[in-house]
Amino acid sequence: MSIRFAESLAFFVVLALAGCSSSPPVERSGTSATNAALAEVDRKSEALFEQALAAIQAQRYTEAESLLKELTARDPLLSGPWVNLGGVYEALGDNDAAQHAYKKAIDANPNNCAAYVDLGVLSRRAGDFLSAEANYLACAQRVPNFREAYLNLGILYELYLGRFDDALKAYQTYQTLSDSPDMRVAGWVSDLERRLAGNES
């Protein structure tokens, strides 16, 4: 069975300055932060954020790091920039700094599920599966409709912890929360159902 990855890296998302707390990450498309979030910060912070996103999209990660560090120093209670900074650190290969940034995002906004999911991914990569589970579950508990948490949980349970019943439930929840069925995940669900049925017979 091939390894399945569902890694929700922060530098592949565009987050509002205040941080996303109730909706899944949006794939990078050049979309600017929402007007509602921008109303909470000054124009300098808005400009820094837009410049940082442009640098991220162009894969100029060192430049993005500098801009996001300036922004988080100006407005440390804004959650979104910390998540993006964590993603930049991952792109630069500094997982310790990424972990610190994600934790700062959670400090600023305890409902920032992108930060929990990315922390979970870091933990899973490091072989700390229980910490990965705890972070995914923390997201699911705070924002039950954040579907990426369930996808990552399913992968963790199936491939790393051998908890096939839990994996099946997580995948099914992910599918329920999706606008349309994910055919890839549908295949995983069918595979698990066959395996579990075989174990019962």
Foldseek 3Di string as FASTA:
>chain_A
DDADDLALALLQFAAQQQADQAEEGDGDDLDAHDPVSCVVDDPVLSVLSSVLNVCSVVVVLVSSLVSLVVNCVVPVLGQSSLRNNLSSCVVVVNNVSSLVSLVSSCVSPVRRLSSLQNNLVSCVVVVNLVSSLVSLVSNCVRHVLHLSSLQVVLSSCVPPVVNLVSSLVSLVSSQVSDPHGDVVSVVVNVVSVVVVVVVVD
